[in-house]
């Protein structure tokens, strides 16, 4: 099939936007046939993103460059989880509905103003067949290796797949030991290559070896094309669970954590792990850089990515709308102070 940057000629406009209920019905129909869809550019009469103002955080680590409210009806699905940002501002995400999504951030006078063309398509298995929504397609984390290959981690069927082309067939790689014991909806939420060449993987709800307050984590090293995993543990803030991780150029990392309760709703924080913490004894634990709310809207924050652009290190965050009319897919952009 054509690469992601070249949508096939069979892609057609989706027609005018409808009321929320009609959009949800159309989204359900699209998802039912998502395994048959090729990579397509998104089309809709409504803009694919609307700018969202951000206030300065209470801590002096990040400078807000603005946010976007994403119009997921324009491409027929939400559920964006793992996130990757390139230096040219190309942003790639995976959805827990078994799809990939890609666009380019548009900055005007240094502020986030919108998205370029949106491309998307199904994630595929080793035979090239589209993954079905549900057990097989619950993609939760996304990482890009230095040579350009992609790693996607899945829940429910706990596994890691390697993709040369995010739109092509995937190849299973070695999963961290003990991952199979994770709850179906509490597996690998964070996966990233660190600056020193190691991989860092974080489980959402699997207890770590350092006690019930910790979460299972692993460092991975590549040897002869295979990954060898070394267990460690991660200590989130009380009541929170890790949902993604991104590397920093200095050897550290940023970890996104989330909580949810029926009466309290969503909360989250972005934590900084210095390089010395990642080289030290477990459990790994970080310093709060963002607390959401009040530093940003309360949402189901699931993806974080870092890239250097125009001399600045940028941090992007994305929320998973759970395909719910009561939630939003939000994309935020910050610069390291």
Protein backbone atom coordinates (compact mmCIF):
# COMPACT_ATOMS: atom_id res chain seq x y z
CA UNK A 1 0.00 0.00 0.00
CA UNK A 2 1.17 3.62 -0.42
CA UNK A 3 3.24 5.10 2.41
CA UNK A 4 1.44 7.31 4.97
CA UNK A 5 2.53 10.49 3.18
CA UNK A 6 0.78 9.43 -0.03
CA UNK A 7 -2.92 8.71 0.54
CA UNK A 8 -4.40 6.40 -2.08
CA UNK A 9 -6.66 7.85 -4.77
CA UNK A 10 -9.64 5.88 -3.41
CA UNK A 11 -9.90 8.20 -0.37
CA UNK A 12 -13.01 10.37 -0.70
CA UNK A 13 -14.50 13.29 1.24
CA UNK A 14 -16.68 12.28 4.16
CA UNK A 15 -19.43 14.86 3.63
CA UNK A 16 -20.78 17.53 5.95
CA UNK A 17 -20.58 17.42 9.75
CA UNK A 18 -23.75 16.36 11.58
CA UNK A 19 -25.19 16.69 15.05
CA UNK A 20 -23.33 14.86 17.80
CA UNK A 21 -25.65 11.84 17.82
CA UNK A 22 -25.41 11.41 14.04
CA UNK A 23 -21.63 11.70 14.23
CA UNK A 24 -21.47 8.94 16.83
CA UNK A 25 -23.59 6.67 14.63
CA UNK A 26 -21.38 7.36 11.64
CA UNK A 27 -18.26 6.80 13.78
CA UNK A 28 -19.60 3.41 14.86
CA UNK A 29 -20.22 2.44 11.24
CA UNK A 30 -16.74 3.51 10.24
CA UNK A 31 -15.14 1.57 13.06
CA UNK A 32 -17.10 -1.55 12.22
CA UNK A 33 -15.39 -1.60 8.86
CA UNK A 34 -12.07 -0.16 9.94
CA UNK A 35 -10.20 -3.32 9.04
CA UNK A 36 -11.01 -2.71 5.38
CA UNK A 37 -9.99 0.96 5.25
CA UNK A 38 -6.77 2.06 3.56
CA UNK A 39 -4.72 4.99 4.77
CA UNK A 40 -6.83 8.05 4.07
CA UNK A 41 -6.62 11.79 4.44
CA UNK A 42 -9.33 13.10 6.76
CA UNK A 43 -11.95 15.37 5.26
CA UNK A 44 -14.75 17.29 6.94
CA UNK A 45 -16.46 20.65 6.63
CA UNK A 46 -15.57 21.45 10.23
CA UNK A 47 -11.92 22.21 11.08
CA UNK A 48 -9.93 19.22 12.31
CA UNK A 49 -8.73 21.21 15.33
CA UNK A 50 -9.71 24.34 17.25
CA UNK A 51 -7.09 26.32 19.23
CA UNK A 52 -7.25 26.09 23.02
CA UNK A 53 -5.64 28.68 25.31
CA UNK A 54 -3.41 27.48 28.16
CA UNK A 55 -2.47 29.32 31.33
CA UNK A 56 1.12 29.22 32.63
CA UNK A 57 1.69 26.21 34.92
CA UNK A 58 2.18 26.71 38.63
CA UNK A 59 5.71 25.21 38.40
CA UNK A 60 8.47 26.89 36.37
CA UNK A 61 9.51 23.95 34.16
CA UNK A 62 7.32 24.30 31.06
CA UNK A 63 6.13 27.24 28.95
CA UNK A 64 2.70 26.75 27.32
CA UNK A 65 2.56 27.17 23.53
CA UNK A 66 -1.16 26.44 23.25
CA UNK A 67 -3.49 23.53 22.75
CA UNK A 68 -5.98 22.09 20.28
CA UNK A 69 -9.39 20.52 20.67
CA UNK A 70 -9.38 17.76 18.05
CA UNK A 71 -12.46 17.15 15.92
CA UNK A 72 -12.27 13.36 15.85
CA UNK A 73 -15.49 13.17 13.83
CA UNK A 74 -13.40 14.43 10.89
CA UNK A 75 -11.66 11.05 10.67
CA UNK A 76 -14.18 8.84 12.47
CA UNK A 77 -12.35 7.68 15.61
CA UNK A 78 -10.68 8.88 18.80
CA UNK A 79 -9.02 6.87 21.52
CA UNK A 80 -5.57 8.39 20.87
CA UNK A 81 -3.02 6.93 23.28
CA UNK A 82 0.70 6.57 22.48
CA UNK A 83 2.33 9.64 20.92
CA UNK A 84 5.48 10.55 18.97
CA UNK A 85 6.73 13.98 17.85
CA UNK A 86 9.35 14.62 15.14
CA UNK A 87 11.64 17.68 14.95
CA UNK A 88 9.69 18.85 11.87
CA UNK A 89 6.52 18.84 14.05
CA UNK A 90 5.05 15.71 12.46
CA UNK A 91 3.01 14.05 15.18
CA UNK A 92 2.02 10.37 15.14
CA UNK A 93 -0.35 8.60 17.51
CA UNK A 94 -1.89 5.18 17.93
CA UNK A 95 -5.47 4.56 18.96
CA UNK A 96 -6.79 1.84 21.25
CA UNK A 97 -9.15 1.07 18.38
CA UNK A 98 -6.30 -0.48 16.38
CA UNK A 99 -5.40 2.52 14.21
CA UNK A 100 -2.54 4.94 13.59
CA UNK A 101 -3.02 8.70 13.10
CA UNK A 102 -0.62 11.34 11.76
CA UNK A 103 -0.55 15.08 11.10
CA UNK A 104 1.80 18.05 11.39
CA UNK A 105 1.49 20.76 14.02
CA UNK A 106 1.12 24.28 12.65
CA UNK A 107 2.79 27.04 14.66
CA UNK A 108 2.16 30.73 14.09
CA UNK A 109 4.44 33.17 15.88
CA UNK A 110 5.59 30.30 18.06
CA UNK A 111 2.07 29.32 19.14
CA UNK A 112 0.13 26.17 18.29
CA UNK A 113 -2.47 27.21 15.72
CA UNK A 114 -3.74 24.03 14.06
CA UNK A 115 -3.05 20.80 12.20
CA UNK A 116 -1.97 20.03 8.69
CA UNK A 117 -3.53 17.23 6.68
CA UNK A 118 -4.54 14.28 8.83
CA UNK A 119 -3.64 10.78 7.65
CA UNK A 120 -4.70 7.55 9.31
CA UNK A 121 -5.11 3.84 8.78
CA UNK A 122 -5.32 0.47 10.51
CA UNK A 123 -2.50 -1.11 12.45
CA UNK A 124 -1.71 -4.53 10.99
CA UNK A 125 -0.64 -7.95 12.20
CA UNK A 126 2.36 -9.97 10.99
CA UNK A 127 0.43 -11.15 7.92
CA UNK A 128 -0.54 -7.59 6.99
CA UNK A 129 -4.19 -7.99 8.00
CA UNK A 130 -5.80 -5.04 9.82
CA UNK A 131 -6.17 -5.51 13.55
CA UNK A 132 -9.74 -5.63 14.74
CA UNK A 133 -11.09 -3.25 17.31
CA UNK A 134 -11.14 -4.80 20.79
CA UNK A 135 -8.84 -7.43 22.21
CA UNK A 136 -6.35 -7.50 19.35
CA UNK A 137 -6.21 -3.79 18.53
CA UNK A 138 -5.86 -2.08 21.92
CA UNK A 139 -2.70 -0.08 21.14
CA UNK A 140 -1.54 1.95 24.14
CA UNK A 141 2.04 3.10 23.59
CA UNK A 142 4.19 4.16 20.66
CA UNK A 143 7.97 4.54 20.36
CA UNK A 144 10.33 5.20 17.46
CA UNK A 145 13.76 3.62 17.35
CA UNK A 146 16.80 5.62 16.14
CA UNK A 147 16.86 3.79 12.79
CA UNK A 148 13.22 4.71 12.17
CA UNK A 149 11.32 1.54 13.11
CA UNK A 150 8.24 1.84 15.32
CA UNK A 151 7.37 -0.11 18.46
CA UNK A 152 3.72 -0.42 19.48
CA UNK A 153 2.65 -1.99 22.77
CA UNK A 154 -0.82 -3.49 23.16
CA UNK A 155 -3.04 -4.31 26.13
CA UNK A 156 -5.59 -7.12 26.53
CA UNK A 157 -3.42 -9.29 24.29
CA UNK A 158 -0.23 -8.11 26.02
CA UNK A 159 2.51 -7.86 23.38
CA UNK A 160 4.93 -5.54 21.55
CA UNK A 161 5.02 -5.24 17.74
CA UNK A 162 7.76 -3.74 15.59
CA UNK A 163 6.86 -1.88 12.39
CA UNK A 164 9.23 -0.69 9.68
CA UNK A 165 6.31 1.34 8.31
CA UNK A 166 3.53 2.24 10.72
CA UNK A 167 1.05 1.48 7.91
CA UNK A 168 2.59 -1.92 7.12
CA UNK A 169 2.80 -5.34 8.70
CA UNK A 170 4.14 -5.71 12.23
CA UNK A 171 6.55 -8.25 13.68
CA UNK A 172 6.24 -9.44 17.29
CA UNK A 173 9.28 -8.84 19.51
CA UNK A 174 10.13 -10.15 22.97
CA UNK A 175 7.69 -8.91 25.61
CA UNK A 176 8.95 -8.02 29.10
CA UNK A 177 8.98 -11.04 31.45
CA UNK A 178 5.93 -11.24 33.69
CA UNK A 179 3.83 -8.91 31.51
CA UNK A 180 1.29 -11.66 30.87
CA UNK A 181 0.23 -11.39 34.54
CA UNK A 182 -0.93 -7.79 34.10
CA UNK A 183 -4.67 -7.05 34.20
CA UNK A 184 -6.23 -7.05 30.74
CA UNK A 185 -6.62 -3.26 30.78
CA UNK A 186 -3.48 -2.54 32.81
CA UNK A 187 -0.52 -3.61 30.67
CA UNK A 188 2.20 -1.65 28.88
CA UNK A 189 1.11 1.99 28.80
CA UNK A 190 4.59 3.46 28.41
CA UNK A 191 7.44 2.44 26.08
CA UNK A 192 10.33 4.58 24.87
CA UNK A 193 14.00 4.47 23.82
CA UNK A 194 16.19 6.46 26.22
CA UNK A 195 19.13 8.63 25.19
CA UNK A 196 21.60 5.95 26.36
CA UNK A 197 20.11 3.37 23.96
CA UNK A 198 18.07 1.40 26.50
CA UNK A 199 14.32 0.94 26.28
CA UNK A 200 12.12 1.87 29.23
CA UNK A 201 8.74 0.12 29.58
CA UNK A 202 6.10 0.89 32.22
CA UNK A 203 3.03 -1.17 33.16
CA UNK A 204 -0.11 0.58 34.31
CA UNK A 205 -1.52 -1.77 36.93
CA UNK A 206 0.98 -4.60 37.42
CA UNK A 207 2.66 -4.35 40.82
CA UNK A 208 6.42 -3.90 40.79
CA UNK A 209 8.97 -5.92 42.76
CA UNK A 210 9.45 -3.07 45.25
CA UNK A 211 5.94 -3.30 46.74
CA UNK A 212 2.25 -2.77 45.98
CA UNK A 213 2.62 0.99 45.66
CA UNK A 214 5.04 0.50 42.78
CA UNK A 215 4.36 -0.54 39.20
CA UNK A 216 6.29 -3.05 37.12
CA UNK A 217 8.89 -1.52 34.83
CA UNK A 218 11.70 -2.86 32.67
CA UNK A 219 14.87 -1.68 30.98
CA UNK A 220 15.45 -3.28 27.60
CA UNK A 221 18.71 -3.67 25.69
CA UNK A 222 19.13 -4.79 22.10
CA UNK A 223 21.41 -7.76 21.48
CA UNK A 224 21.68 -9.34 18.03
CA UNK A 225 18.29 -7.96 17.02
CA UNK A 226 16.52 -9.18 20.16
CA UNK A 227 15.50 -7.36 23.33
CA UNK A 228 16.73 -8.49 26.73
CA UNK A 229 14.59 -7.09 29.55
CA UNK A 230 15.77 -6.30 33.09
CA UNK A 231 12.98 -5.80 35.68
CA UNK A 232 12.83 -2.66 37.79
CA UNK A 233 9.94 -0.73 39.36
CA UNK A 234 8.30 2.68 39.09
CA UNK A 235 6.69 4.64 41.95
CA UNK A 236 3.87 6.94 40.75
CA UNK A 237 2.27 9.63 42.86
CA UNK A 238 -0.35 8.28 45.31
CA UNK A 239 -3.53 7.26 43.50
CA UNK A 240 -2.06 7.66 40.01
CA UNK A 241 -0.96 5.14 37.35
CA UNK A 242 1.63 5.60 34.57
CA UNK A 243 0.10 6.05 31.11
CA UNK A 244 3.08 7.03 28.92
CA UNK A 245 6.77 7.95 28.93
CA UNK A 246 8.99 10.04 26.63
CA UNK A 247 12.78 10.52 26.54
CA UNK A 248 14.60 13.79 27.17
CA UNK A 249 17.81 14.68 25.28
CA UNK A 250 19.82 14.88 28.53
CA UNK A 251 19.16 11.20 29.33
CA UNK A 252 16.14 11.77 31.55
CA UNK A 253 12.49 11.07 30.81
CA UNK A 254 8.99 12.45 31.33
CA UNK A 255 6.29 10.13 32.67
CA UNK A 256 2.58 10.86 32.31
CA UNK A 257 0.40 9.58 35.15
CA UNK A 258 -3.39 9.49 35.47
CA UNK A 259 -6.14 8.80 38.00
CA UNK A 260 -9.89 8.36 37.67
CA UNK A 261 -12.72 8.07 40.18
CA UNK A 262 -16.45 8.08 39.72
CA UNK A 263 -16.93 11.18 41.86
CA UNK A 264 -13.58 12.90 41.33
CA UNK A 265 -13.28 12.43 37.59
CA UNK A 266 -9.90 12.55 35.85
CA UNK A 267 -6.64 13.90 37.19
CA UNK A 268 -3.06 13.62 35.97
CA UNK A 269 0.49 14.76 36.42
CA UNK A 270 3.61 14.96 34.27
CA UNK A 271 6.67 13.80 36.23
CA UNK A 272 10.35 14.34 35.44
CA UNK A 273 12.84 11.49 35.87
CA UNK A 274 16.42 12.83 35.81
CA UNK A 275 19.09 10.73 34.10
CA UNK A 276 20.68 9.82 37.44
CA UNK A 277 17.37 8.34 38.64
CA UNK A 278 17.24 6.14 35.54
CA UNK A 279 20.75 4.90 36.34
CA UNK A 280 20.08 4.39 40.04
CA UNK A 281 18.38 1.84 42.25
CA UNK A 282 14.63 1.20 42.04
CA UNK A 283 12.00 2.32 42.47
CA UNK A 284 12.13 5.03 39.83
CA UNK A 285 10.30 8.15 40.99
CA UNK A 286 9.99 11.63 39.56
CA UNK A 287 9.32 15.29 40.35
CA UNK A 288 6.01 16.86 39.34
CA UNK A 289 6.26 19.30 36.43
CA UNK A 290 2.56 19.60 35.56
CA UNK A 291 -0.56 18.84 37.58
CA UNK A 292 -3.79 18.55 35.61
CA UNK A 293 -5.90 20.24 36.80
CA UNK A 294 -5.12 23.07 37.60
CA UNK A 295 -2.25 23.46 35.11
CA UNK A 296 -4.32 22.07 32.21
CA UNK A 297 -7.85 20.73 31.70
CA UNK A 298 -8.91 17.56 33.48
CA UNK A 299 -9.01 14.81 30.88
CA UNK A 300 -7.92 11.23 30.24
CA UNK A 301 -4.27 12.09 29.52
CA UNK A 302 -2.55 9.12 27.86
CA UNK A 303 0.23 10.28 25.52
CA UNK A 304 3.42 12.34 25.89
CA UNK A 305 6.18 13.06 23.35
CA UNK A 306 9.31 15.24 23.21
CA UNK A 307 11.21 16.67 20.22
CA UNK A 308 13.72 19.45 19.56
CA UNK A 309 12.46 22.08 17.11
CA UNK A 310 14.00 25.43 16.20
CA UNK A 311 16.39 25.31 19.15
CA UNK A 312 13.75 24.42 21.74
CA UNK A 313 12.71 21.14 23.34
CA UNK A 314 8.96 20.76 22.87
CA UNK A 315 6.63 18.55 24.91
CA UNK A 316 3.29 17.37 23.47
CA UNK A 317 0.44 15.74 25.40
CA UNK A 318 -2.70 14.03 24.09
CA UNK A 319 -5.87 12.81 25.80
CA UNK A 320 -7.93 9.71 25.00
CA UNK A 321 -11.62 10.55 24.63
CA UNK A 322 -12.73 6.93 25.18
CA UNK A 323 -15.13 7.42 22.26
CA UNK A 324 -17.37 9.22 24.77
CA UNK A 325 -19.52 12.29 24.01
CA UNK A 326 -18.65 13.55 27.49
CA UNK A 327 -14.90 13.66 26.84
CA UNK A 328 -12.54 15.40 24.42
CA UNK A 329 -9.41 14.62 22.48
CA UNK A 330 -7.06 17.44 23.48
CA UNK A 331 -3.52 18.10 22.23
CA UNK A 332 -1.26 20.40 24.27
CA UNK A 333 2.16 21.80 23.43
CA UNK A 334 4.82 23.17 25.79
CA UNK A 335 8.44 24.24 25.57
CA UNK A 336 11.00 23.38 28.24
CA UNK A 337 11.68 26.52 30.25
